């Protein structure tokens, strides 16, 4: 299945100002129509999975802006609703879309085709970013925040529960920099009844915190709720080998959505380096075992359209 690309770069291209600690989450309250439009841009490009604007949305982050707990929970739910609205508007009309969708479906097992014979069915993945995303200082690319697994699980549990209440199809535990936080996020997701995918940000054959990828991917093995494990927000050149390792170690379907190849300079507050994302690389990812493929930061609708075209060509 084809995932979407970076939500932030598409919103920036639409003229949105994201120079804010809440990043894309700021728009949930102030410009929700822009989020819906960004989702639609990816659907036009061929995406079958929409990732919500909740990566950097947390109770703590909203509280610093004077947003109370009840309102913050509502904004988290709204991120799922906006993606669902875009998906429902895009998908072929159904007599009763709620009844036609099975509870907590898994994109890893879906064919992605509307049995009624229209556009491909669209799935909504609720984005759960790492603790470092809330800090807005680039520490999601380092991990190791000095918190225990229990403390991290407590941080993630409330936001995951709020997202789950809105009924996404899957929880995307993404851009995870180390194994401890992955363990905490999986613990926080227990009891929601939702499938999850677990996706690490990596450098070479290690997590950003320096752990071997074999250890990171092994965490998903034997967990029924994990429908896919893999990598995102990494250099495109690191994806194929990571996909192979994820498949070999976990026995799960594999998710892969690297960034453009540019690197985030947290001090300067901008991306640096050259883009190296080639949609044709999706053939190598699929050959290595990837089943959910897309792009992350700085990969826009054109890149996703390229992935969809490459998959059709190599089908």
Protein backbone atom coordinates (compact mmCIF):
# COMPACT_ATOMS: atom_id res chain seq x y z
CA UNK A 1 0.00 0.00 0.00
CA UNK A 2 1.14 3.52 -0.78
CA UNK A 3 1.51 5.83 2.21
CA UNK A 4 1.42 9.61 2.03
CA UNK A 5 4.45 11.91 2.29
CA UNK A 6 5.51 14.70 4.61
CA UNK A 7 2.53 16.64 5.91
CA UNK A 8 4.63 19.62 7.00
CA UNK A 9 6.22 20.29 3.61
CA UNK A 10 2.84 20.12 1.86
CA UNK A 11 1.34 22.54 4.38
CA UNK A 12 4.30 24.88 3.88
CA UNK A 13 3.77 24.69 0.13
CA UNK A 14 0.16 25.71 0.77
CA UNK A 15 1.44 28.84 2.49
CA UNK A 16 1.08 27.76 6.13
CA UNK A 17 3.48 29.14 8.74
CA UNK A 18 4.86 26.21 10.75
CA UNK A 19 7.46 28.17 12.73
CA UNK A 20 5.90 27.13 16.00
CA UNK A 21 6.71 24.54 18.71
CA UNK A 22 3.38 22.85 17.92
CA UNK A 23 4.39 22.56 14.25
CA UNK A 24 1.53 21.10 12.18
CA UNK A 25 -0.58 20.58 15.32
CA UNK A 26 -1.11 24.35 15.54
CA UNK A 27 -3.33 24.15 12.47
CA UNK A 28 -5.73 21.70 14.11
CA UNK A 29 -7.35 24.63 15.90
CA UNK A 30 -6.45 27.54 13.64
CA UNK A 31 -6.56 26.29 10.05
CA UNK A 32 -8.08 22.78 9.90
CA UNK A 33 -9.11 23.27 6.27
CA UNK A 34 -5.42 23.44 5.34
CA UNK A 35 -4.81 20.02 6.89
CA UNK A 36 -7.76 18.55 5.00
CA UNK A 37 -6.43 20.08 1.76
CA UNK A 38 -2.96 18.60 2.37
CA UNK A 39 -4.47 15.16 2.89
CA UNK A 40 -6.40 15.52 -0.35
CA UNK A 41 -3.24 16.46 -2.23
CA UNK A 42 -1.71 13.13 -1.24
CA UNK A 43 -4.83 11.22 -2.20
CA UNK A 44 -4.65 12.80 -5.64
CA UNK A 45 -1.03 11.62 -5.83
CA UNK A 46 -2.05 8.01 -5.17
CA UNK A 47 -1.75 7.61 -1.39
CA UNK A 48 -3.93 4.90 0.16
CA UNK A 49 -3.01 5.76 3.77
CA UNK A 50 -3.32 9.20 5.37
CA UNK A 51 -1.23 10.00 8.43
CA UNK A 52 -2.81 12.46 10.86
CA UNK A 53 -1.48 15.86 11.95
CA UNK A 54 -0.83 14.62 15.48
CA UNK A 55 2.90 13.81 15.36
CA UNK A 56 3.75 16.80 17.56
CA UNK A 57 0.37 17.10 19.30
CA UNK A 58 0.61 16.49 23.05
CA UNK A 59 -1.24 17.58 26.17
CA UNK A 60 1.96 19.16 27.45
CA UNK A 61 2.59 21.09 24.26
CA UNK A 62 -0.97 22.39 24.11
CA UNK A 63 -0.88 23.31 27.81
CA UNK A 64 2.06 25.64 27.17
CA UNK A 65 -0.24 27.52 24.80
CA UNK A 66 -3.01 27.77 27.39
CA UNK A 67 -5.09 24.94 25.90
CA UNK A 68 -6.87 22.92 28.58
CA UNK A 69 -6.92 19.13 28.77
CA UNK A 70 -10.43 18.69 27.40
CA UNK A 71 -9.78 20.96 24.44
CA UNK A 72 -6.43 19.30 23.77
CA UNK A 73 -8.09 15.87 23.72
CA UNK A 74 -10.61 17.26 21.26
CA UNK A 75 -7.83 18.53 18.98
CA UNK A 76 -6.13 15.15 19.02
CA UNK A 77 -9.40 13.51 18.02
CA UNK A 78 -9.88 16.22 15.41
CA UNK A 79 -6.65 15.18 13.68
CA UNK A 80 -8.20 11.78 12.99
CA UNK A 81 -11.52 13.28 11.96
CA UNK A 82 -9.88 15.59 9.41
CA UNK A 83 -8.08 12.70 7.76
CA UNK A 84 -11.28 10.65 7.78
CA UNK A 85 -13.23 13.50 6.22
CA UNK A 86 -10.68 13.79 3.42
CA UNK A 87 -10.70 10.02 2.92
CA UNK A 88 -14.47 9.75 2.86
CA UNK A 89 -14.78 12.64 0.43
CA UNK A 90 -12.23 10.99 -1.86
CA UNK A 91 -13.41 7.38 -1.72
CA UNK A 92 -16.27 6.08 -3.79
CA UNK A 93 -19.68 6.78 -2.22
CA UNK A 94 -21.10 3.98 -0.11
CA UNK A 95 -24.59 3.47 1.20
CA UNK A 96 -23.19 3.23 4.70
CA UNK A 97 -19.44 3.79 4.95
CA UNK A 98 -19.39 3.05 8.69
CA UNK A 99 -20.91 -0.40 8.20
CA UNK A 100 -18.70 -1.21 5.22
CA UNK A 101 -15.54 -0.69 7.28
CA UNK A 102 -14.68 -3.55 9.62
CA UNK A 103 -13.63 -2.55 13.16
CA UNK A 104 -9.92 -1.82 13.61
CA UNK A 105 -8.91 -3.03 10.14
CA UNK A 106 -5.28 -3.59 9.25
CA UNK A 107 -3.72 -1.87 6.23
CA UNK A 108 -1.07 -4.57 6.20
CA UNK A 109 -3.69 -7.15 5.22
CA UNK A 110 -5.86 -4.95 3.03
CA UNK A 111 -5.82 -5.04 -0.74
CA UNK A 112 -6.65 -1.34 -0.76
CA UNK A 113 -9.40 -1.73 -3.36
CA UNK A 114 -12.99 -0.72 -2.81
CA UNK A 115 -15.06 -3.87 -3.43
CA UNK A 116 -17.76 -1.63 -4.84
CA UNK A 117 -15.42 -0.82 -7.71
CA UNK A 118 -14.34 2.79 -7.29
CA UNK A 119 -11.28 4.52 -6.01
CA UNK A 120 -8.99 2.59 -3.67
CA UNK A 121 -10.17 2.52 -0.08
CA UNK A 122 -8.26 4.90 2.17
CA UNK A 123 -6.96 4.11 5.63
CA UNK A 124 -6.30 6.61 8.42
CA UNK A 125 -3.14 6.18 10.50
CA UNK A 126 -3.02 8.17 13.75
CA UNK A 127 0.49 9.56 14.07
CA UNK A 128 2.16 9.14 17.46
CA UNK A 129 5.51 10.88 17.43
CA UNK A 130 8.27 10.38 20.01
CA UNK A 131 8.72 12.36 23.22
CA UNK A 132 11.48 14.36 21.54
CA UNK A 133 9.01 15.81 19.03
CA UNK A 134 7.19 17.57 21.89
CA UNK A 135 10.48 19.18 22.95
CA UNK A 136 10.78 20.74 19.47
CA UNK A 137 14.58 20.76 19.66
CA UNK A 138 15.50 17.92 17.33
CA UNK A 139 15.97 15.41 20.14
CA UNK A 140 13.78 12.85 18.37
CA UNK A 141 16.92 12.27 16.31
CA UNK A 142 18.89 11.43 19.44
CA UNK A 143 16.55 9.75 21.92
CA UNK A 144 17.77 8.99 25.42
CA UNK A 145 15.88 11.78 27.18
CA UNK A 146 16.74 10.62 30.70
CA UNK A 147 13.27 9.18 31.27
CA UNK A 148 12.39 5.61 32.22
CA UNK A 149 10.23 3.33 30.08
CA UNK A 150 7.44 3.77 32.63
CA UNK A 151 7.65 7.56 32.45
CA UNK A 152 7.62 7.50 28.67
CA UNK A 153 4.64 5.13 28.62
CA UNK A 154 2.74 7.49 30.91
CA UNK A 155 3.48 10.40 28.56
CA UNK A 156 2.28 8.53 25.47
CA UNK A 157 -0.74 6.76 26.98
CA UNK A 158 -3.07 9.76 27.34
CA UNK A 159 -2.52 11.01 23.80
CA UNK A 160 -2.86 7.51 22.34
CA UNK A 161 -6.14 7.04 24.20
CA UNK A 162 -7.46 10.34 22.81
CA UNK A 163 -6.47 9.39 19.27
CA UNK A 164 -7.97 5.92 19.64
CA UNK A 165 -11.33 7.39 20.69
CA UNK A 166 -11.64 8.91 17.21
CA UNK A 167 -11.41 5.50 15.53
CA UNK A 168 -8.33 5.50 13.29
CA UNK A 169 -7.59 2.32 11.36
CA UNK A 170 -4.09 1.99 12.78
CA UNK A 171 -1.72 3.74 15.19
CA UNK A 172 1.53 4.87 13.56
CA UNK A 173 4.19 4.79 16.28
CA UNK A 174 6.74 6.63 14.19
CA UNK A 175 10.16 8.28 14.11
CA UNK A 176 11.10 6.29 17.21
CA UNK A 177 14.77 6.91 18.03
CA UNK A 178 15.48 4.12 20.50
CA UNK A 179 14.29 0.75 21.74
CA UNK A 180 13.30 2.00 25.21
CA UNK A 181 10.83 4.46 23.74
CA UNK A 182 9.50 1.81 21.35
CA UNK A 183 8.81 -0.44 24.34
CA UNK A 184 7.06 2.44 26.12
CA UNK A 185 4.91 3.29 23.09
CA UNK A 186 3.84 -0.31 22.60
CA UNK A 187 2.90 -0.53 26.29
CA UNK A 188 0.91 2.71 26.00
CA UNK A 189 -1.02 1.36 23.01
CA UNK A 190 -2.09 -1.82 24.80
CA UNK A 191 -5.80 -1.98 25.43
CA UNK A 192 -6.83 0.30 22.57
CA UNK A 193 -7.85 -2.64 20.39
CA UNK A 194 -6.08 -1.00 17.46
CA UNK A 195 -3.32 -2.45 15.30
CA UNK A 196 -0.07 -0.50 15.25
CA UNK A 197 2.92 -0.08 13.06
CA UNK A 198 6.27 0.60 14.70
CA UNK A 199 8.74 2.68 12.73
CA UNK A 200 12.24 3.71 13.80
CA UNK A 201 14.35 6.61 12.63
CA UNK A 202 17.79 5.20 11.94
CA UNK A 203 21.30 5.84 10.71
CA UNK A 204 22.88 2.94 8.89
CA UNK A 205 22.18 -0.29 10.77
CA UNK A 206 21.48 1.40 14.10
CA UNK A 207 18.74 3.42 15.73
CA UNK A 208 19.48 7.09 16.30
CA UNK A 209 20.31 6.17 19.89
CA UNK A 210 22.90 3.70 18.62
CA UNK A 211 21.22 0.33 19.19
CA UNK A 212 21.54 -2.46 16.58
CA UNK A 213 18.50 -2.61 14.31
CA UNK A 214 18.24 -6.34 14.93
CA UNK A 215 17.41 -5.58 18.59
CA UNK A 216 14.99 -2.82 17.64
CA UNK A 217 13.01 -4.91 15.16
CA UNK A 218 12.99 -7.96 17.46
CA UNK A 219 10.74 -5.99 19.81
CA UNK A 220 7.87 -6.43 17.30
CA UNK A 221 8.23 -10.20 16.94
CA UNK A 222 5.38 -12.15 18.51
CA UNK A 223 3.21 -9.08 19.16
CA UNK A 224 -0.14 -9.61 17.49
CA UNK A 225 -1.04 -5.93 17.62
CA UNK A 226 2.01 -4.97 15.53
CA UNK A 227 0.98 -5.32 11.90
CA UNK A 228 4.18 -3.83 10.49
CA UNK A 229 7.62 -2.72 11.63
CA UNK A 230 10.22 -0.71 9.79
CA UNK A 231 11.78 2.71 9.29
CA UNK A 232 10.91 6.31 8.50
CA UNK A 233 12.57 9.74 8.52
CA UNK A 234 15.90 8.22 7.56
CA UNK A 235 18.18 8.58 4.56
CA UNK A 236 16.68 6.87 1.48
CA UNK A 237 19.88 4.88 1.02
CA UNK A 238 19.44 3.23 4.43
CA UNK A 239 15.94 1.93 3.70
CA UNK A 240 16.48 -1.25 1.67
CA UNK A 241 18.89 -2.92 4.12
CA UNK A 242 16.71 -1.91 7.07
CA UNK A 243 13.65 -3.40 5.37
CA UNK A 244 15.50 -6.68 4.83
CA UNK A 245 16.53 -6.80 8.48
CA UNK A 246 13.03 -5.93 9.71
CA UNK A 247 11.49 -8.75 7.68
CA UNK A 248 14.13 -11.26 8.73
CA UNK A 249 14.08 -10.44 12.44
CA UNK A 250 10.39 -9.75 13.07
CA UNK A 251 8.56 -11.90 10.53
CA UNK A 252 6.14 -8.99 10.12
CA UNK A 253 5.06 -6.94 7.16
CA UNK A 254 7.49 -4.05 6.74
CA UNK A 255 6.81 -0.31 6.52
CA UNK A 256 9.31 2.06 4.87
CA UNK A 257 8.97 5.80 4.33
CA UNK A 258 12.32 7.61 4.34
CA UNK A 259 12.75 11.35 4.06
CA UNK A 260 14.20 13.26 1.12
CA UNK A 261 17.80 12.69 2.17
CA UNK A 262 18.20 16.20 3.56
CA UNK A 263 19.02 16.56 7.25
CA UNK A 264 17.28 18.70 9.85
CA UNK A 265 19.54 21.33 11.43
CA UNK A 266 17.82 21.96 14.76
CA UNK A 267 20.03 24.94 15.64
CA UNK A 268 19.43 26.71 12.35
CA UNK A 269 15.82 25.53 12.20
CA UNK A 270 16.05 24.38 8.59
CA UNK A 271 16.82 21.44 6.33
CA UNK A 272 20.33 21.13 4.91
CA UNK A 273 22.06 18.99 2.31
CA UNK A 274 20.89 17.56 -0.98
CA UNK A 275 17.74 15.60 -1.74
CA UNK A 276 18.38 11.97 -2.70
CA UNK A 277 14.87 10.49 -2.75
CA UNK A 278 14.25 8.35 -5.85
CA UNK A 279 10.73 6.91 -6.19
CA UNK A 280 12.15 4.09 -8.31
CA UNK A 281 13.86 2.79 -5.15
CA UNK A 282 10.49 1.44 -4.04
CA UNK A 283 11.19 -1.62 -6.21
CA UNK A 284 14.20 -2.45 -3.99
CA UNK A 285 12.18 -1.86 -0.83
CA UNK A 286 9.42 -4.16 -2.05
CA UNK A 287 11.96 -6.77 -3.11
CA UNK A 288 13.39 -6.65 0.43
CA UNK A 289 9.95 -7.17 1.99
CA UNK A 290 8.27 -3.77 2.33
CA UNK A 291 4.49 -3.77 2.01
CA UNK A 292 3.65 -0.23 3.17
CA UNK A 293 5.76 2.35 1.34
CA UNK A 294 5.80 6.13 1.15
CA UNK A 295 7.80 9.18 2.10
CA UNK A 296 8.49 11.29 5.15
CA UNK A 297 9.88 14.81 5.56
CA UNK A 298 10.38 16.79 2.36
CA UNK A 299 8.79 14.10 0.19
CA UNK A 300 5.72 15.69 -1.35
CA UNK A 301 2.85 14.61 -3.61
CA UNK A 302 5.16 14.38 -6.63
CA UNK A 303 7.32 11.83 -4.80
CA UNK A 304 4.28 9.81 -3.76
CA UNK A 305 2.93 9.89 -7.32
CA UNK A 306 6.32 8.59 -8.42
CA UNK A 307 6.12 5.71 -5.93
CA UNK A 308 2.60 4.80 -7.09
CA UNK A 309 3.77 4.85 -10.72
CA UNK A 310 6.85 2.74 -9.93
CA UNK A 311 4.71 0.14 -8.16
CA UNK A 312 2.35 -0.07 -11.13
CA UNK A 313 5.27 -0.41 -13.52
CA UNK A 314 6.87 -3.19 -11.50
CA UNK A 315 3.67 -5.01 -10.59
